[in-house]
């Protein structure tokens, strides 16, 4: 938890993250697409989440 000085009491920051694995033998865009899929799933599942998309 981070504390921000001089901010309103109701000031909030949330984050959603999409995670995957990357192998050097694949195109980077494939890994980016998987991470993007996981990110949107995290947002749909209530935000403030980390979601993993397997290879």
PDB file of N, CA and C in Angstrom:
ATOM      1  N   UNK A   1       0.849  -1.169   0.000  1.00  0.00           N
ATOM      2  CA  UNK A   1       0.000   0.000   0.000  1.00  0.00           C
ATOM      3  C   UNK A   1       0.894   1.232   0.000  1.00  0.00           C
ATOM      4  N   UNK A   2       0.589   2.156  -0.894  1.00  0.00           N
ATOM      5  CA  UNK A   2       1.329   3.405  -0.977  1.00  0.00           C
ATOM      6  C   UNK A   2       0.515   4.532  -0.364  1.00  0.00           C
ATOM      7  N   UNK A   3       1.185   5.415   0.293  1.00  0.00           N
ATOM      8  CA  UNK A   3       0.536   6.592   0.863  1.00  0.00           C
ATOM      9  C   UNK A   3       0.884   7.800   0.000  1.00  0.00           C
ATOM     10  N   UNK A   4      -0.129   8.587  -0.364  1.00  0.00           N
ATOM     11  CA  UNK A   4       0.062   9.799  -1.146  1.00  0.00           C
ATOM     12  C   UNK A   4      -0.276  10.995  -0.271  1.00  0.00           C
ATOM     13  N   UNK A   5       0.652  11.919  -0.167  1.00  0.00           N
ATOM     14  CA  UNK A   5       0.417  13.111   0.636  1.00  0.00           C
ATOM     15  C   UNK A   5      -0.446  14.101  -0.135  1.00  0.00           C
ATOM     16  N   UNK A   6      -1.220  14.873   0.598  1.00  0.00           N
ATOM     17  CA  UNK A   6      -2.029  15.959   0.036  1.00  0.00           C
ATOM     18  C   UNK A   6      -3.054  15.481  -0.990  1.00  0.00           C
ATOM     19  N   UNK A   7      -3.565  14.287  -0.808  1.00  0.00           N
ATOM     20  CA  UNK A   7      -4.601  13.765  -1.696  1.00  0.00           C
ATOM     21  C   UNK A   7      -5.886  13.597  -0.884  1.00  0.00           C
ATOM     22  N   UNK A   8      -7.033  13.707  -1.547  1.00  0.00           N
ATOM     23  CA  UNK A   8      -8.296  13.498  -0.828  1.00  0.00           C
ATOM     24  C   UNK A   8      -8.348  12.098  -0.216  1.00  0.00           C
ATOM     25  N   UNK A   9      -9.090  11.959   0.861  1.00  0.00           N
ATOM     26  CA  UNK A   9      -9.204  10.667   1.543  1.00  0.00           C
ATOM     27  C   UNK A   9      -9.774   9.581   0.644  1.00  0.00           C
ATOM     28  N   UNK A  10     -10.615   9.961  -0.312  1.00  0.00           N
ATOM     29  CA  UNK A  10     -11.230   8.963  -1.183  1.00  0.00           C
ATOM     30  C   UNK A  10     -10.432   8.718  -2.467  1.00  0.00           C
ATOM     31  N   UNK A  11      -9.214   9.210  -2.541  1.00  0.00           N
ATOM     32  CA  UNK A  11      -8.347   9.006  -3.704  1.00  0.00           C
ATOM     33  C   UNK A  11      -7.891   7.553  -3.734  1.00  0.00           C
ATOM     34  N   UNK A  12      -8.146   6.869  -4.876  1.00  0.00           N
ATOM     35  CA  UNK A  12      -7.769   5.458  -4.998  1.00  0.00           C
ATOM     36  C   UNK A  12      -7.169   5.194  -6.365  1.00  0.00           C
ATOM     37  N   UNK A  13      -6.211   4.322  -6.396  1.00  0.00           N
ATOM     38  CA  UNK A  13      -5.645   3.826  -7.644  1.00  0.00           C
ATOM     39  C   UNK A  13      -5.793   2.314  -7.608  1.00  0.00           C
ATOM     40  N   UNK A  14      -6.270   1.741  -8.704  1.00  0.00           N
ATOM     41  CA  UNK A  14      -6.356   0.290  -8.804  1.00  0.00           C
ATOM     42  C   UNK A  14      -5.563  -0.152 -10.026  1.00  0.00           C
ATOM     43  N   UNK A  15      -5.252  -1.435 -10.076  1.00  0.00           N
ATOM     44  CA  UNK A  15      -4.491  -1.957 -11.208  1.00  0.00           C
ATOM     45  C   UNK A  15      -4.988  -3.358 -11.553  1.00  0.00           C
ATOM     46  N   UNK A  16      -5.065  -3.604 -12.837  1.00  0.00           N
ATOM     47  CA  UNK A  16      -5.353  -4.940 -13.351  1.00  0.00           C
ATOM     48  C   UNK A  16      -4.166  -5.350 -14.205  1.00  0.00           C
ATOM     49  N   UNK A  17      -3.763  -6.622 -14.101  1.00  0.00           N
ATOM     50  CA  UNK A  17      -2.557  -7.091 -14.788  1.00  0.00           C
ATOM     51  C   UNK A  17      -2.857  -8.396 -15.508  1.00  0.00           C
ATOM     52  N   UNK A  18      -2.346  -8.507 -16.717  1.00  0.00           N
ATOM     53  CA  UNK A  18      -2.404  -9.751 -17.474  1.00  0.00           C
ATOM     54  C   UNK A  18      -1.009 -10.327 -17.600  1.00  0.00           C
ATOM     55  N   UNK A  19      -0.853 -11.604 -17.253  1.00  0.00           N
ATOM     56  CA  UNK A  19       0.464 -12.243 -17.209  1.00  0.00           C
ATOM     57  C   UNK A  19       0.463 -13.488 -18.086  1.00  0.00           C
ATOM     58  N   UNK A  20       1.580 -13.725 -18.767  1.00  0.00           N
ATOM     59  CA  UNK A  20       1.775 -14.945 -19.530  1.00  0.00           C
ATOM     60  C   UNK A  20       3.259 -15.266 -19.552  1.00  0.00           C
ATOM     61  N   UNK A  21       3.612 -16.333 -20.221  1.00  0.00           N
ATOM     62  CA  UNK A  21       5.014 -16.700 -20.403  1.00  0.00           C
ATOM     63  C   UNK A  21       5.399 -16.459 -21.853  1.00  0.00           C
ATOM     64  N   UNK A  22       6.676 -16.250 -22.078  1.00  0.00           N
ATOM     65  CA  UNK A  22       7.195 -16.044 -23.428  1.00  0.00           C
ATOM     66  C   UNK A  22       8.338 -17.014 -23.670  1.00  0.00           C
ATOM     67  N   UNK A  23       8.309 -17.667 -24.822  1.00  0.00           N
ATOM     68  CA  UNK A  23       9.420 -18.528 -25.228  1.00  0.00           C
ATOM     69  C   UNK A  23      10.075 -17.899 -26.450  1.00  0.00           C
ATOM     70  N   UNK A  24      11.385 -17.930 -26.488  1.00  0.00           N
ATOM     71  CA  UNK A  24      12.131 -17.296 -27.576  1.00  0.00           C
ATOM     72  C   UNK A  24      11.763 -17.856 -28.943  1.00  0.00           C
ATOM     73  N   UNK A  25      11.220 -19.056 -28.987  1.00  0.00           N
ATOM     74  CA  UNK A  25      10.879 -19.681 -30.263  1.00  0.00           C
ATOM     75  C   UNK A  25       9.562 -19.162 -30.857  1.00  0.00           C
ATOM     76  N   UNK A  26       8.834 -18.330 -30.130  1.00  0.00           N
ATOM     77  CA  UNK A  26       7.561 -17.825 -30.639  1.00  0.00           C
ATOM     78  C   UNK A  26       7.672 -16.345 -31.004  1.00  0.00           C
ATOM     79  N   UNK A  27       6.725 -15.886 -31.786  1.00  0.00           N
ATOM     80  CA  UNK A  27       6.650 -14.467 -32.110  1.00  0.00           C
ATOM     81  C   UNK A  27       6.222 -13.705 -30.860  1.00  0.00           C
ATOM     82  N   UNK A  28       6.850 -12.572 -30.602  1.00  0.00           N
ATOM     83  CA  UNK A  28       6.527 -11.783 -29.414  1.00  0.00           C
ATOM     84  C   UNK A  28       5.053 -11.372 -29.403  1.00  0.00           C
ATOM     85  N   UNK A  29       4.492 -11.142 -30.574  1.00  0.00           N
ATOM     86  CA  UNK A  29       3.092 -10.716 -30.646  1.00  0.00           C
ATOM     87  C   UNK A  29       2.151 -11.778 -30.076  1.00  0.00           C
ATOM     88  N   UNK A  30       2.518 -13.046 -30.192  1.00  0.00           N
ATOM     89  CA  UNK A  30       1.693 -14.113 -29.607  1.00  0.00           C
ATOM     90  C   UNK A  30       1.623 -13.967 -28.090  1.00  0.00           C
ATOM     91  N   UNK A  31       2.754 -13.694 -27.464  1.00  0.00           N
ATOM     92  CA  UNK A  31       2.786 -13.514 -26.010  1.00  0.00           C
ATOM     93  C   UNK A  31       2.031 -12.245 -25.608  1.00  0.00           C
ATOM     94  N   UNK A  32       2.187 -11.189 -26.383  1.00  0.00           N
ATOM     95  CA  UNK A  32       1.466  -9.947 -26.091  1.00  0.00           C
ATOM     96  C   UNK A  32      -0.039 -10.180 -26.175  1.00  0.00           C
ATOM     97  N   UNK A  33      -0.479 -10.913 -27.172  1.00  0.00           N
ATOM     98  CA  UNK A  33      -1.911 -11.206 -27.310  1.00  0.00           C
ATOM     99  C   UNK A  33      -2.439 -12.001 -26.119  1.00  0.00           C
ATOM    100  N   UNK A  34      -1.662 -12.973 -25.631  1.00  0.00           N
ATOM    101  CA  UNK A  34      -2.091 -13.744 -24.455  1.00  0.00           C
ATOM    102  C   UNK A  34      -2.175 -12.849 -23.224  1.00  0.00           C
ATOM    103  N   UNK A  35      -1.174 -12.002 -23.038  1.00  0.00           N
ATOM    104  CA  UNK A  35      -1.186 -11.091 -21.890  1.00  0.00           C
ATOM    105  C   UNK A  35      -2.375 -10.136 -21.975  1.00  0.00           C
ATOM    106  N   UNK A  36      -2.686  -9.677 -23.174  1.00  0.00           N
ATOM    107  CA  UNK A  36      -3.823  -8.787 -23.384  1.00  0.00           C
ATOM    108  C   UNK A  36      -5.135  -9.498 -23.052  1.00  0.00           C
ATOM    109  N   UNK A  37      -5.251 -10.750 -23.460  1.00  0.00           N
ATOM    110  CA  UNK A  37      -6.434 -11.547 -23.127  1.00  0.00           C
ATOM    111  C   UNK A  37      -6.590 -11.649 -21.612  1.00  0.00           C
ATOM    112  N   UNK A  38      -5.489 -11.923 -20.925  1.00  0.00           N
ATOM    113  CA  UNK A  38      -5.527 -12.033 -19.465  1.00  0.00           C
ATOM    114  C   UNK A  38      -5.883 -10.694 -18.824  1.00  0.00           C
ATOM    115  N   UNK A  39      -5.367  -9.604 -19.365  1.00  0.00           N
ATOM    116  CA  UNK A  39      -5.669  -8.274 -18.828  1.00  0.00           C
ATOM    117  C   UNK A  39      -7.165  -7.984 -18.905  1.00  0.00           C
ATOM    118  N   UNK A  40      -7.765  -8.224 -20.048  1.00  0.00           N
ATOM    119  CA  UNK A  40      -9.194  -7.948 -20.183  1.00  0.00           C
ATOM    120  C   UNK A  40     -10.030  -8.876 -19.313  1.00  0.00           C
ATOM    121  N   UNK A  41      -9.583 -10.107 -19.109  1.00  0.00           N
ATOM    122  CA  UNK A  41     -10.279 -11.014 -18.194  1.00  0.00           C
ATOM    123  C   UNK A  41     -10.210 -10.461 -16.766  1.00  0.00           C
ATOM    124  N   UNK A  42      -9.053  -9.920 -16.378  1.00  0.00           N
ATOM    125  CA  UNK A  42      -8.912  -9.327 -15.042  1.00  0.00           C
ATOM    126  C   UNK A  42      -9.881  -8.161 -14.866  1.00  0.00           C
ATOM    127  N   UNK A  43     -10.002  -7.336 -15.876  1.00  0.00           N
ATOM    128  CA  UNK A  43     -10.931  -6.204 -15.792  1.00  0.00           C
ATOM    129  C   UNK A  43     -12.381  -6.682 -15.697  1.00  0.00           C
ATOM    130  N   UNK A  44     -12.721  -7.696 -16.477  1.00  0.00           N
ATOM    131  CA  UNK A  44     -14.089  -8.217 -16.450  1.00  0.00           C
ATOM    132  C   UNK A  44     -14.420  -8.906 -15.132  1.00  0.00           C
ATOM    133  N   UNK A  45     -13.412  -9.450 -14.455  1.00  0.00           N
ATOM    134  CA  UNK A  45     -13.623 -10.178 -13.200  1.00  0.00           C
ATOM    135  C   UNK A  45     -13.601  -9.275 -11.979  1.00  0.00           C
ATOM    136  N   UNK A  46     -13.720  -7.992 -12.164  1.00  0.00           N
ATOM    137  CA  UNK A  46     -13.859  -7.100 -11.025  1.00  0.00           C
ATOM    138  C   UNK A  46     -12.724  -6.128 -10.834  1.00  0.00           C
ATOM    139  N   UNK A  47     -11.803  -6.079 -11.740  1.00  0.00           N
ATOM    140  CA  UNK A  47     -10.664  -5.158 -11.662  1.00  0.00           C
ATOM    141  C   UNK A  47      -9.817  -5.447 -10.427  1.00  0.00           C
ATOM    142  N   UNK A  48      -8.712  -4.726 -10.329  1.00  0.00           N
ATOM    143  CA  UNK A  48      -7.807  -4.890  -9.187  1.00  0.00           C
ATOM    144  C   UNK A  48      -7.379  -6.348  -9.034  1.00  0.00           C
ATOM    145  N   UNK A  49      -7.089  -6.992 -10.166  1.00  0.00           N
ATOM    146  CA  UNK A  49      -6.755  -8.418 -10.178  1.00  0.00           C
ATOM    147  C   UNK A  49      -5.545  -8.680 -11.056  1.00  0.00           C
ATOM    148  N   UNK A  50      -4.956  -9.850 -10.859  1.00  0.00           N
ATOM    149  CA  UNK A  50      -3.915 -10.374 -11.744  1.00  0.00           C
ATOM    150  C   UNK A  50      -4.453 -11.669 -12.331  1.00  0.00           C
ATOM    151  N   UNK A  51      -4.418 -11.774 -13.658  1.00  0.00           N
ATOM    152  CA  UNK A  51      -4.878 -12.981 -14.348  1.00  0.00           C
ATOM    153  C   UNK A  51      -3.735 -13.542 -15.181  1.00  0.00           C
ATOM    154  N   UNK A  52      -3.664 -14.865 -15.251  1.00  0.00           N
ATOM    155  CA  UNK A  52      -2.632 -15.572 -16.005  1.00  0.00           C
ATOM    156  C   UNK A  52      -3.259 -16.261 -17.206  1.00  0.00           C
ATOM    157  N   UNK A  53      -2.626 -16.128 -18.360  1.00  0.00           N
ATOM    158  CA  UNK A  53      -3.049 -16.830 -19.575  1.00  0.00           C
ATOM    159  C   UNK A  53      -1.944 -17.803 -19.956  1.00  0.00           C
ATOM    160  N   UNK A  54      -2.210 -19.114 -19.880  1.00  0.00           N
ATOM    161  CA  UNK A  54      -1.166 -20.092 -20.212  1.00  0.00           C
ATOM    162  C   UNK A  54      -0.843 -20.088 -21.704  1.00  0.00           C
ATOM    163  N   UNK A  55       0.270 -20.705 -22.022  1.00  0.00           N
ATOM    164  CA  UNK A  55       0.701 -20.791 -23.415  1.00  0.00           C
ATOM    165  C   UNK A  55      -0.181 -21.740 -24.184  1.00  0.00           C
TER     166      UNK A  55
END
